[in-house]
Amino acid sequence: MATKIYIVYYSTWGHVATLAEEIKKGADSVEGVEATIWQVAETLPEEVLGKMRAAPKKEHPVITGRQLADADGVLFGFPARFGMMAAQMKAFLDSTGGLWGEQALVG
């Protein structure tokens, strides 16, 4: 059975999405590894993204917190905002509280 690696990212201008795609290429070169790229949900309105001149989102599927439990390993990618992670990634990680409580991410 393949080892499932999830590459989970948030990207405003596309740089982190490009990194995720490069990481997937490397993971796919390892026998027995099945890598999947996911993006976290956007929390900003389209109007704000337009004013920021944000890049169009890639076609990668949006992950839910519950789906993390299906992975054998997870790689996270996100930009820094004044030394902190992007709010979109924090919102995603905050949504996984129930999984931690159930110990669904152990192992």
C-alpha atoms as a PDB file:
ATOM      1  CA  MET A   1       0.000   0.000   0.000  1.00  0.00           C
ATOM      2  CA  ALA A   2       1.315   3.454  -0.924  1.00  0.00           C
ATOM      3  CA  THR A   3       2.316   5.995   1.698  1.00  0.00           C
ATOM      4  CA  LYS A   4      -0.090   8.930   1.368  1.00  0.00           C
ATOM      5  CA  ILE A   5       1.574  12.326   1.619  1.00  0.00           C
ATOM      6  CA  TYR A   6      -0.598  15.435   1.595  1.00  0.00           C
ATOM      7  CA  ILE A   7       0.948  18.720   0.535  1.00  0.00           C
ATOM      8  CA  VAL A   8      -1.330  21.369   2.049  1.00  0.00           C
ATOM      9  CA  TYR A   9      -0.744  25.024   1.230  1.00  0.00           C
ATOM     10  CA  TYR A  10      -2.109  28.534   1.109  1.00  0.00           C
ATOM     11  CA  SER A  11      -0.853  30.973  -1.516  1.00  0.00           C
ATOM     12  CA  THR A  12      -1.952  34.532  -2.258  1.00  0.00           C
ATOM     13  CA  TRP A  13       0.297  35.313  -5.202  1.00  0.00           C
ATOM     14  CA  GLY A  14       1.081  31.788  -6.388  1.00  0.00           C
ATOM     15  CA  HIS A  15       4.615  31.380  -5.051  1.00  0.00           C
ATOM     16  CA  VAL A  16       3.747  28.794  -2.408  1.00  0.00           C
ATOM     17  CA  ALA A  17       1.530  26.942  -4.910  1.00  0.00           C
ATOM     18  CA  THR A  18       4.540  26.651  -7.223  1.00  0.00           C
ATOM     19  CA  LEU A  19       6.634  25.300  -4.338  1.00  0.00           C
ATOM     20  CA  ALA A  20       3.915  22.733  -3.576  1.00  0.00           C
ATOM     21  CA  GLU A  21       3.993  21.533  -7.187  1.00  0.00           C
ATOM     22  CA  GLU A  22       7.785  21.154  -7.067  1.00  0.00           C
ATOM     23  CA  ILE A  23       7.586  19.238  -3.791  1.00  0.00           C
ATOM     24  CA  LYS A  24       5.029  16.909  -5.380  1.00  0.00           C
ATOM     25  CA  LYS A  25       7.432  16.184  -8.244  1.00  0.00           C
ATOM     26  CA  GLY A  26      10.055  15.111  -5.728  1.00  0.00           C
ATOM     27  CA  ALA A  27       7.614  13.033  -3.683  1.00  0.00           C
ATOM     28  CA  ASP A  28       6.292  11.344  -6.829  1.00  0.00           C
ATOM     29  CA  SER A  29       9.836  10.236  -7.658  1.00  0.00           C
ATOM     30  CA  VAL A  30       9.921   8.082  -4.517  1.00  0.00           C
ATOM     31  CA  GLU A  31       8.639   4.546  -4.998  1.00  0.00           C
ATOM     32  CA  GLY A  32       5.657   3.744  -2.809  1.00  0.00           C
ATOM     33  CA  VAL A  33       4.675   7.376  -2.199  1.00  0.00           C
ATOM     34  CA  GLU A  34       1.384   8.842  -3.349  1.00  0.00           C
ATOM     35  CA  ALA A  35       1.476  12.648  -3.036  1.00  0.00           C
ATOM     36  CA  THR A  36      -1.586  14.867  -3.298  1.00  0.00           C
ATOM     37  CA  ILE A  37      -1.646  18.658  -3.373  1.00  0.00           C
ATOM     38  CA  TRP A  38      -4.417  20.434  -1.468  1.00  0.00           C
ATOM     39  CA  GLN A  39      -5.086  24.091  -0.811  1.00  0.00           C
ATOM     40  CA  VAL A  40      -6.864  25.529   2.201  1.00  0.00           C
ATOM     41  CA  ALA A  41     -10.016  27.577   1.787  1.00  0.00           C
ATOM     42  CA  GLU A  42      -9.705  31.256   1.014  1.00  0.00           C
ATOM     43  CA  THR A  43     -11.151  33.521   3.683  1.00  0.00           C
ATOM     44  CA  LEU A  44     -10.882  36.852   1.874  1.00  0.00           C
ATOM     45  CA  PRO A  45     -13.707  38.153  -0.346  1.00  0.00           C
ATOM     46  CA  GLU A  46     -13.051  38.287  -4.104  1.00  0.00           C
ATOM     47  CA  GLU A  47     -13.269  42.086  -3.957  1.00  0.00           C
ATOM     48  CA  VAL A  48     -10.360  42.257  -1.509  1.00  0.00           C
ATOM     49  CA  LEU A  49      -8.316  39.725  -3.484  1.00  0.00           C
ATOM     50  CA  GLY A  50      -8.850  41.833  -6.586  1.00  0.00           C
ATOM     51  CA  LYS A  51      -7.608  44.971  -4.851  1.00  0.00           C
ATOM     52  CA  MET A  52      -4.555  43.038  -3.667  1.00  0.00           C
ATOM     53  CA  ARG A  53      -3.949  41.817  -7.231  1.00  0.00           C
ATOM     54  CA  ALA A  54      -3.824  38.270  -5.906  1.00  0.00           C
ATOM     55  CA  ALA A  55      -3.057  35.515  -8.389  1.00  0.00           C
ATOM     56  CA  PRO A  56      -5.901  33.284  -9.585  1.00  0.00           C
ATOM     57  CA  LYS A  57      -6.205  30.144  -7.472  1.00  0.00           C
ATOM     58  CA  LYS A  58      -4.787  26.905  -8.857  1.00  0.00           C
ATOM     59  CA  GLU A  59      -7.065  23.976  -9.644  1.00  0.00           C
ATOM     60  CA  HIS A  60      -5.919  22.028  -6.585  1.00  0.00           C
ATOM     61  CA  PRO A  61      -8.811  20.758  -4.458  1.00  0.00           C
ATOM     62  CA  VAL A  62      -9.659  22.484  -1.185  1.00  0.00           C
ATOM     63  CA  ILE A  63      -9.035  20.289   1.846  1.00  0.00           C
ATOM     64  CA  THR A  64     -11.183  19.972   4.930  1.00  0.00           C
ATOM     65  CA  GLY A  65      -9.700  19.418   8.345  1.00  0.00           C
ATOM     66  CA  ARG A  66     -11.264  15.960   8.567  1.00  0.00           C
ATOM     67  CA  GLN A  67      -9.354  14.831   5.449  1.00  0.00           C
ATOM     68  CA  LEU A  68      -6.009  15.216   7.229  1.00  0.00           C
ATOM     69  CA  ALA A  69      -6.702  11.979   9.094  1.00  0.00           C
ATOM     70  CA  ASP A  70      -6.459  10.084   5.781  1.00  0.00           C
ATOM     71  CA  ALA A  71      -2.796  11.033   5.266  1.00  0.00           C
ATOM     72  CA  ASP A  72       0.279   9.180   6.469  1.00  0.00           C
ATOM     73  CA  GLY A  73       2.261  12.417   6.388  1.00  0.00           C
ATOM     74  CA  VAL A  74       1.539  16.097   5.795  1.00  0.00           C
ATOM     75  CA  LEU A  75       3.705  18.925   4.469  1.00  0.00           C
ATOM     76  CA  PHE A  76       2.402  22.451   5.073  1.00  0.00           C
ATOM     77  CA  GLY A  77       3.313  25.513   3.032  1.00  0.00           C
ATOM     78  CA  PHE A  78       2.221  29.097   3.654  1.00  0.00           C
ATOM     79  CA  PRO A  79       3.562  32.634   3.497  1.00  0.00           C
ATOM     80  CA  ALA A  80       4.492  34.580   6.613  1.00  0.00           C
ATOM     81  CA  ARG A  81       2.513  37.625   7.681  1.00  0.00           C
ATOM     82  CA  PHE A  82       4.555  39.752  10.073  1.00  0.00           C
ATOM     83  CA  GLY A  83       6.198  36.648  11.508  1.00  0.00           C
ATOM     84  CA  MET A  84       2.970  34.647  11.732  1.00  0.00           C
ATOM     85  CA  MET A  85       1.342  32.149   9.400  1.00  0.00           C
ATOM     86  CA  ALA A  86      -1.311  33.375   6.985  1.00  0.00           C
ATOM     87  CA  ALA A  87      -4.749  33.656   8.598  1.00  0.00           C
ATOM     88  CA  GLN A  88      -6.198  31.204   6.066  1.00  0.00           C
ATOM     89  CA  MET A  89      -3.820  28.464   7.231  1.00  0.00           C
ATOM     90  CA  LYS A  90      -4.455  29.295  10.876  1.00  0.00           C
ATOM     91  CA  ALA A  91      -8.219  29.045  10.284  1.00  0.00           C
ATOM     92  CA  PHE A  92      -7.691  25.643   8.667  1.00  0.00           C
ATOM     93  CA  LEU A  93      -5.514  24.355  11.507  1.00  0.00           C
ATOM     94  CA  ASP A  94      -7.966  25.711  14.072  1.00  0.00           C
ATOM     95  CA  SER A  95     -10.680  23.646  12.363  1.00  0.00           C
ATOM     96  CA  THR A  96      -8.798  20.448  13.222  1.00  0.00           C
ATOM     97  CA  GLY A  97      -9.327  20.768  16.987  1.00  0.00           C
ATOM     98  CA  GLY A  98     -11.800  17.902  17.038  1.00  0.00           C
ATOM     99  CA  LEU A  99      -9.277  15.618  15.342  1.00  0.00           C
ATOM    100  CA  TRP A 100      -6.714  16.372  18.020  1.00  0.00           C
ATOM    101  CA  GLY A 101      -9.301  15.708  20.716  1.00  0.00           C
ATOM    102  CA  GLU A 102     -10.101  12.329  19.136  1.00  0.00           C
ATOM    103  CA  GLN A 103      -6.379  11.619  18.590  1.00  0.00           C
ATOM    104  CA  ALA A 104      -7.261  11.005  14.925  1.00  0.00           C
ATOM    105  CA  LEU A 105      -3.915  12.496  13.845  1.00  0.00           C
ATOM    106  CA  VAL A 106      -1.791  10.236  16.037  1.00  0.00           C
ATOM    107  CA  GLY A 107       0.425   7.709  14.341  1.00  0.00           C
END
